[in-house]
């Protein structure tokens, strides 16, 4: 099934739902988006080289070793 076919099916099914059920579907969609964001965050946080770079940048910022891009 294509994405547009799924969307059409969702629209058809939503017409048969009450307001409360539609709210629950929307909450579930929000949960799926949040889950995806959390997985991406975990992936970034597990990258030791990237995290080392971020910590170094924060230390440089705190120590005043960073200059602004624009003057």
PDB file of N, CA and C in Angstrom:
ATOM      1  N   UNK A   1       0.843  -1.184   0.000  1.00  0.00           N
ATOM      2  CA  UNK A   1       0.000   0.000   0.000  1.00  0.00           C
ATOM      3  C   UNK A   1       0.888   1.246   0.000  1.00  0.00           C
ATOM      4  N   UNK A   2       0.485   2.254  -0.708  1.00  0.00           N
ATOM      5  CA  UNK A   2       1.255   3.506  -0.747  1.00  0.00           C
ATOM      6  C   UNK A   2       0.848   4.393   0.439  1.00  0.00           C
ATOM      7  N   UNK A   3       1.649   5.401   0.659  1.00  0.00           N
ATOM      8  CA  UNK A   3       1.350   6.336   1.746  1.00  0.00           C
ATOM      9  C   UNK A   3      -0.004   7.003   1.530  1.00  0.00           C
ATOM     10  N   UNK A   4      -0.275   7.433   0.313  1.00  0.00           N
ATOM     11  CA  UNK A   4      -1.554   8.103   0.040  1.00  0.00           C
ATOM     12  C   UNK A   4      -2.731   7.146   0.237  1.00  0.00           C
ATOM     13  N   UNK A   5      -2.534   5.867  -0.068  1.00  0.00           N
ATOM     14  CA  UNK A   5      -3.598   4.880   0.172  1.00  0.00           C
ATOM     15  C   UNK A   5      -3.855   4.710   1.665  1.00  0.00           C
ATOM     16  N   UNK A   6      -2.784   4.688   2.444  1.00  0.00           N
ATOM     17  CA  UNK A   6      -2.948   4.613   3.906  1.00  0.00           C
ATOM     18  C   UNK A   6      -3.672   5.843   4.443  1.00  0.00           C
ATOM     19  N   UNK A   7      -3.311   7.003   3.931  1.00  0.00           N
ATOM     20  CA  UNK A   7      -3.955   8.243   4.378  1.00  0.00           C
ATOM     21  C   UNK A   7      -5.441   8.223   4.035  1.00  0.00           C
ATOM     22  N   UNK A   8      -5.764   7.781   2.835  1.00  0.00           N
ATOM     23  CA  UNK A   8      -7.185   7.666   2.455  1.00  0.00           C
ATOM     24  C   UNK A   8      -7.927   6.698   3.363  1.00  0.00           C
ATOM     25  N   UNK A   9      -7.297   5.570   3.680  1.00  0.00           N
ATOM     26  CA  UNK A   9      -7.914   4.595   4.575  1.00  0.00           C
ATOM     27  C   UNK A   9      -8.124   5.187   5.966  1.00  0.00           C
ATOM     28  N   UNK A  10      -7.137   5.924   6.441  1.00  0.00           N
ATOM     29  CA  UNK A  10      -7.268   6.588   7.750  1.00  0.00           C
ATOM     30  C   UNK A  10      -8.437   7.582   7.740  1.00  0.00           C
ATOM     31  N   UNK A  11      -8.539   8.338   6.672  1.00  0.00           N
ATOM     32  CA  UNK A  11      -9.637   9.303   6.560  1.00  0.00           C
ATOM     33  C   UNK A  11     -10.994   8.595   6.585  1.00  0.00           C
ATOM     34  N   UNK A  12     -11.098   7.503   5.847  1.00  0.00           N
ATOM     35  CA  UNK A  12     -12.354   6.754   5.816  1.00  0.00           C
ATOM     36  C   UNK A  12     -12.700   6.197   7.196  1.00  0.00           C
ATOM     37  N   UNK A  13     -11.699   5.629   7.864  1.00  0.00           N
ATOM     38  CA  UNK A  13     -11.928   5.058   9.186  1.00  0.00           C
ATOM     39  C   UNK A  13     -12.263   6.144  10.212  1.00  0.00           C
ATOM     40  N   UNK A  14     -11.613   7.298  10.083  1.00  0.00           N
ATOM     41  CA  UNK A  14     -11.840   8.383  11.037  1.00  0.00           C
ATOM     42  C   UNK A  14     -13.282   8.881  10.978  1.00  0.00           C
ATOM     43  N   UNK A  15     -13.904   8.798   9.809  1.00  0.00           N
ATOM     44  CA  UNK A  15     -15.292   9.239   9.668  1.00  0.00           C
ATOM     45  C   UNK A  15     -16.242   8.406  10.518  1.00  0.00           C
ATOM     46  N   UNK A  16     -15.837   7.194  10.848  1.00  0.00           N
ATOM     47  CA  UNK A  16     -16.674   6.303  11.644  1.00  0.00           C
ATOM     48  C   UNK A  16     -16.381   6.378  13.140  1.00  0.00           C
ATOM     49  N   UNK A  17     -15.447   7.224  13.524  1.00  0.00           N
ATOM     50  CA  UNK A  17     -15.066   7.343  14.929  1.00  0.00           C
ATOM     51  C   UNK A  17     -15.726   8.548  15.575  1.00  0.00           C
ATOM     52  N   UNK A  18     -15.887   8.449  16.876  1.00  0.00           N
ATOM     53  CA  UNK A  18     -16.372   9.588  17.636  1.00  0.00           C
ATOM     54  C   UNK A  18     -15.230  10.536  17.962  1.00  0.00           C
ATOM     55  N   UNK A  19     -15.572  11.670  18.509  1.00  0.00           N
ATOM     56  CA  UNK A  19     -14.579  12.689  18.841  1.00  0.00           C
ATOM     57  C   UNK A  19     -13.514  12.148  19.792  1.00  0.00           C
ATOM     58  N   UNK A  20     -13.924  11.412  20.804  1.00  0.00           N
ATOM     59  CA  UNK A  20     -12.977  10.871  21.790  1.00  0.00           C
ATOM     60  C   UNK A  20     -11.993   9.898  21.131  1.00  0.00           C
ATOM     61  N   UNK A  21     -12.507   9.052  20.249  1.00  0.00           N
ATOM     62  CA  UNK A  21     -11.637   8.091  19.573  1.00  0.00           C
ATOM     63  C   UNK A  21     -10.654   8.796  18.632  1.00  0.00           C
ATOM     64  N   UNK A  22     -11.114   9.836  17.955  1.00  0.00           N
ATOM     65  CA  UNK A  22     -10.217  10.603  17.076  1.00  0.00           C
ATOM     66  C   UNK A  22      -9.122  11.261  17.912  1.00  0.00           C
ATOM     67  N   UNK A  23      -9.496  11.754  19.082  1.00  0.00           N
ATOM     68  CA  UNK A  23      -8.502  12.347  19.984  1.00  0.00           C
ATOM     69  C   UNK A  23      -7.463  11.303  20.379  1.00  0.00           C
ATOM     70  N   UNK A  24      -7.907  10.081  20.653  1.00  0.00           N
ATOM     71  CA  UNK A  24      -6.976   9.012  21.005  1.00  0.00           C
ATOM     72  C   UNK A  24      -6.042   8.678  19.847  1.00  0.00           C
ATOM     73  N   UNK A  25      -6.562   8.666  18.621  1.00  0.00           N
ATOM     74  CA  UNK A  25      -5.732   8.416  17.439  1.00  0.00           C
ATOM     75  C   UNK A  25      -4.674   9.508  17.312  1.00  0.00           C
ATOM     76  N   UNK A  26      -5.075  10.747  17.500  1.00  0.00           N
ATOM     77  CA  UNK A  26      -4.120  11.860  17.411  1.00  0.00           C
ATOM     78  C   UNK A  26      -3.069  11.771  18.514  1.00  0.00           C
ATOM     79  N   UNK A  27      -3.483  11.369  19.701  1.00  0.00           N
ATOM     80  CA  UNK A  27      -2.519  11.181  20.795  1.00  0.00           C
ATOM     81  C   UNK A  27      -1.519  10.089  20.446  1.00  0.00           C
ATOM     82  N   UNK A  28      -1.996   9.023  19.819  1.00  0.00           N
ATOM     83  CA  UNK A  28      -1.101   7.937  19.428  1.00  0.00           C
ATOM     84  C   UNK A  28      -0.117   8.402  18.357  1.00  0.00           C
ATOM     85  N   UNK A  29      -0.584   9.202  17.420  1.00  0.00           N
ATOM     86  CA  UNK A  29       0.307   9.760  16.398  1.00  0.00           C
ATOM     87  C   UNK A  29       1.383  10.621  17.066  1.00  0.00           C
ATOM     88  N   UNK A  30       0.976  11.420  18.046  1.00  0.00           N
ATOM     89  CA  UNK A  30       1.948  12.225  18.795  1.00  0.00           C
ATOM     90  C   UNK A  30       2.957  11.354  19.511  1.00  0.00           C
ATOM     91  N   UNK A  31       2.486  10.255  20.094  1.00  0.00           N
ATOM     92  CA  UNK A  31       3.391   9.309  20.769  1.00  0.00           C
ATOM     93  C   UNK A  31       4.414   8.750  19.770  1.00  0.00           C
ATOM     94  N   UNK A  32       3.959   8.372  18.575  1.00  0.00           N
ATOM     95  CA  UNK A  32       4.877   7.822  17.568  1.00  0.00           C
ATOM     96  C   UNK A  32       5.931   8.836  17.157  1.00  0.00           C
ATOM     97  N   UNK A  33       5.523  10.093  17.011  1.00  0.00           N
ATOM     98  CA  UNK A  33       6.497  11.145  16.665  1.00  0.00           C
ATOM     99  C   UNK A  33       7.521  11.318  17.782  1.00  0.00           C
ATOM    100  N   UNK A  34       7.041  11.348  19.025  1.00  0.00           N
ATOM    101  CA  UNK A  34       7.932  11.513  20.175  1.00  0.00           C
ATOM    102  C   UNK A  34       8.900  10.334  20.274  1.00  0.00           C
ATOM    103  N   UNK A  35       8.387   9.143  20.028  1.00  0.00           N
ATOM    104  CA  UNK A  35       9.228   7.943  20.069  1.00  0.00           C
ATOM    105  C   UNK A  35      10.342   8.044  19.039  1.00  0.00           C
ATOM    106  N   UNK A  36      10.023   8.508  17.859  1.00  0.00           N
ATOM    107  CA  UNK A  36      11.025   8.680  16.798  1.00  0.00           C
ATOM    108  C   UNK A  36      12.073   9.703  17.219  1.00  0.00           C
ATOM    109  N   UNK A  37      11.622  10.813  17.815  1.00  0.00           N
ATOM    110  CA  UNK A  37      12.560  11.832  18.293  1.00  0.00           C
ATOM    111  C   UNK A  37      13.474  11.266  19.378  1.00  0.00           C
ATOM    112  N   UNK A  38      12.891  10.482  20.298  1.00  0.00           N
ATOM    113  CA  UNK A  38      13.677   9.893  21.383  1.00  0.00           C
ATOM    114  C   UNK A  38      14.721   8.923  20.844  1.00  0.00           C
ATOM    115  N   UNK A  39      14.366   8.149  19.830  1.00  0.00           N
ATOM    116  CA  UNK A  39      15.317   7.210  19.238  1.00  0.00           C
ATOM    117  C   UNK A  39      16.471   7.956  18.585  1.00  0.00           C
ATOM    118  N   UNK A  40      16.178   9.064  17.921  1.00  0.00           N
ATOM    119  CA  UNK A  40      17.239   9.868  17.299  1.00  0.00           C
ATOM    120  C   UNK A  40      18.146  10.468  18.368  1.00  0.00           C
ATOM    121  N   UNK A  41      17.551  10.923  19.467  1.00  0.00           N
ATOM    122  CA  UNK A  41      18.340  11.486  20.572  1.00  0.00           C
ATOM    123  C   UNK A  41      19.246  10.425  21.174  1.00  0.00           C
ATOM    124  N   UNK A  42      18.713   9.222  21.384  1.00  0.00           N
ATOM    125  CA  UNK A  42      19.529   8.134  21.936  1.00  0.00           C
ATOM    126  C   UNK A  42      20.691   7.808  21.008  1.00  0.00           C
ATOM    127  N   UNK A  43      20.435   7.838  19.709  1.00  0.00           N
ATOM    128  CA  UNK A  43      21.494   7.547  18.747  1.00  0.00           C
ATOM    129  C   UNK A  43      22.609   8.584  18.848  1.00  0.00           C
ATOM    130  N   UNK A  44      22.242   9.846  18.953  1.00  0.00           N
ATOM    131  CA  UNK A  44      23.237  10.919  19.078  1.00  0.00           C
ATOM    132  C   UNK A  44      24.005  10.777  20.385  1.00  0.00           C
ATOM    133  N   UNK A  45      23.283  10.544  21.479  1.00  0.00           N
ATOM    134  CA  UNK A  45      23.931  10.452  22.787  1.00  0.00           C
ATOM    135  C   UNK A  45      24.844   9.237  22.900  1.00  0.00           C
ATOM    136  N   UNK A  46      24.614   8.203  22.110  1.00  0.00           N
ATOM    137  CA  UNK A  46      25.454   7.007  22.172  1.00  0.00           C
ATOM    138  C   UNK A  46      26.709   7.133  21.319  1.00  0.00           C
ATOM    139  N   UNK A  47      26.816   8.198  20.531  1.00  0.00           N
ATOM    140  CA  UNK A  47      27.990   8.424  19.692  1.00  0.00           C
ATOM    141  C   UNK A  47      29.069   9.095  20.552  1.00  0.00           C
ATOM    142  N   UNK A  48      30.003   8.301  21.029  1.00  0.00           N
ATOM    143  CA  UNK A  48      31.005   8.802  21.977  1.00  0.00           C
ATOM    144  C   UNK A  48      31.877   9.916  21.387  1.00  0.00           C
ATOM    145  N   UNK A  49      32.254   9.791  20.110  1.00  0.00           N
ATOM    146  CA  UNK A  49      33.082  10.814  19.468  1.00  0.00           C
ATOM    147  C   UNK A  49      32.321  12.137  19.379  1.00  0.00           C
ATOM    148  N   UNK A  50      31.047  12.060  19.014  1.00  0.00           N
ATOM    149  CA  UNK A  50      30.223  13.265  18.910  1.00  0.00           C
ATOM    150  C   UNK A  50      30.041  13.915  20.280  1.00  0.00           C
ATOM    151  N   UNK A  51      29.769  13.102  21.297  1.00  0.00           N
ATOM    152  CA  UNK A  51      29.568  13.644  22.640  1.00  0.00           C
ATOM    153  C   UNK A  51      30.860  14.273  23.177  1.00  0.00           C
ATOM    154  N   UNK A  52      32.000  13.665  22.861  1.00  0.00           N
ATOM    155  CA  UNK A  52      33.284  14.236  23.277  1.00  0.00           C
ATOM    156  C   UNK A  52      33.466  15.614  22.647  1.00  0.00           C
ATOM    157  N   UNK A  53      33.088  15.734  21.372  1.00  0.00           N
ATOM    158  CA  UNK A  53      33.190  17.007  20.665  1.00  0.00           C
ATOM    159  C   UNK A  53      32.276  18.063  21.291  1.00  0.00           C
ATOM    160  N   UNK A  54      31.062  17.661  21.642  1.00  0.00           N
ATOM    161  CA  UNK A  54      30.128  18.603  22.289  1.00  0.00           C
ATOM    162  C   UNK A  54      30.676  19.060  23.633  1.00  0.00           C
ATOM    163  N   UNK A  55      31.189  18.134  24.424  1.00  0.00           N
ATOM    164  CA  UNK A  55      31.746  18.498  25.739  1.00  0.00           C
ATOM    165  C   UNK A  55      32.933  19.436  25.598  1.00  0.00           C
ATOM    166  N   UNK A  56      33.773  19.178  24.582  1.00  0.00           N
ATOM    167  CA  UNK A  56      34.919  20.068  24.342  1.00  0.00           C
ATOM    168  C   UNK A  56      34.426  21.462  23.960  1.00  0.00           C
ATOM    169  N   UNK A  57      33.417  21.528  23.101  1.00  0.00           N
ATOM    170  CA  UNK A  57      32.860  22.815  22.707  1.00  0.00           C
ATOM    171  C   UNK A  57      32.275  23.577  23.889  1.00  0.00           C
ATOM    172  N   UNK A  58      31.571  22.872  24.758  1.00  0.00           N
ATOM    173  CA  UNK A  58      31.011  23.527  25.951  1.00  0.00           C
ATOM    174  C   UNK A  58      32.116  24.023  26.878  1.00  0.00           C
ATOM    175  N   UNK A  59      33.175  23.228  27.014  1.00  0.00           N
ATOM    176  CA  UNK A  59      34.304  23.660  27.846  1.00  0.00           C
ATOM    177  C   UNK A  59      34.978  24.886  27.230  1.00  0.00           C
ATOM    178  N   UNK A  60      35.141  24.895  25.902  1.00  0.00           N
ATOM    179  CA  UNK A  60      35.728  26.055  25.220  1.00  0.00           C
ATOM    180  C   UNK A  60      34.852  27.289  25.420  1.00  0.00           C
ATOM    181  N   UNK A  61      33.567  27.121  25.319  1.00  0.00           N
ATOM    182  CA  UNK A  61      32.632  28.235  25.529  1.00  0.00           C
ATOM    183  C   UNK A  61      32.764  28.781  26.945  1.00  0.00           C
ATOM    184  N   UNK A  62      32.759  27.884  27.913  1.00  0.00           N
ATOM    185  CA  UNK A  62      32.855  28.290  29.316  1.00  0.00           C
ATOM    186  C   UNK A  62      34.177  28.999  29.601  1.00  0.00           C
ATOM    187  N   UNK A  63      35.258  28.559  28.935  1.00  0.00           N
ATOM    188  CA  UNK A  63      36.581  29.144  29.150  1.00  0.00           C
ATOM    189  C   UNK A  63      36.804  30.412  28.322  1.00  0.00           C
ATOM    190  N   UNK A  64      35.834  30.787  27.492  1.00  0.00           N
ATOM    191  CA  UNK A  64      35.962  32.005  26.700  1.00  0.00           C
ATOM    192  C   UNK A  64      36.827  31.853  25.459  1.00  0.00           C
ATOM    193  N   UNK A  65      37.002  30.634  24.988  1.00  0.00           N
ATOM    194  CA  UNK A  65      37.858  30.391  23.819  1.00  0.00           C
ATOM    195  C   UNK A  65      37.053  30.388  22.513  1.00  0.00           C
ATOM    196  N   UNK A  66      35.844  30.879  22.564  1.00  0.00           N
ATOM    197  CA  UNK A  66      34.984  30.873  21.375  1.00  0.00           C
ATOM    198  C   UNK A  66      34.685  32.310  20.989  1.00  0.00           C
ATOM    199  N   UNK A  67      34.832  32.614  19.694  1.00  0.00           N
ATOM    200  CA  UNK A  67      34.526  33.946  19.184  1.00  0.00           C
ATOM    201  C   UNK A  67      33.238  33.884  18.359  1.00  0.00           C
ATOM    202  N   UNK A  68      32.454  34.962  18.372  1.00  0.00           N
ATOM    203  CA  UNK A  68      31.251  34.977  17.562  1.00  0.00           C
ATOM    204  C   UNK A  68      31.561  34.976  16.068  1.00  0.00           C
ATOM    205  N   UNK A  69      30.664  34.410  15.277  1.00  0.00           N
ATOM    206  CA  UNK A  69      30.838  34.383  13.832  1.00  0.00           C
ATOM    207  C   UNK A  69      30.808  35.781  13.247  1.00  0.00           C
ATOM    208  N   UNK A  70      29.808  36.543  13.663  1.00  0.00           N
ATOM    209  CA  UNK A  70      29.587  37.881  13.101  1.00  0.00           C
ATOM    210  C   UNK A  70      30.130  38.944  14.053  1.00  0.00           C
ATOM    211  N   UNK A  71      30.684  39.963  13.467  1.00  0.00           N
ATOM    212  CA  UNK A  71      31.158  41.097  14.281  1.00  0.00           C
ATOM    213  C   UNK A  71      30.485  42.366  13.839  1.00  0.00           C
TER     214      UNK A  71
END
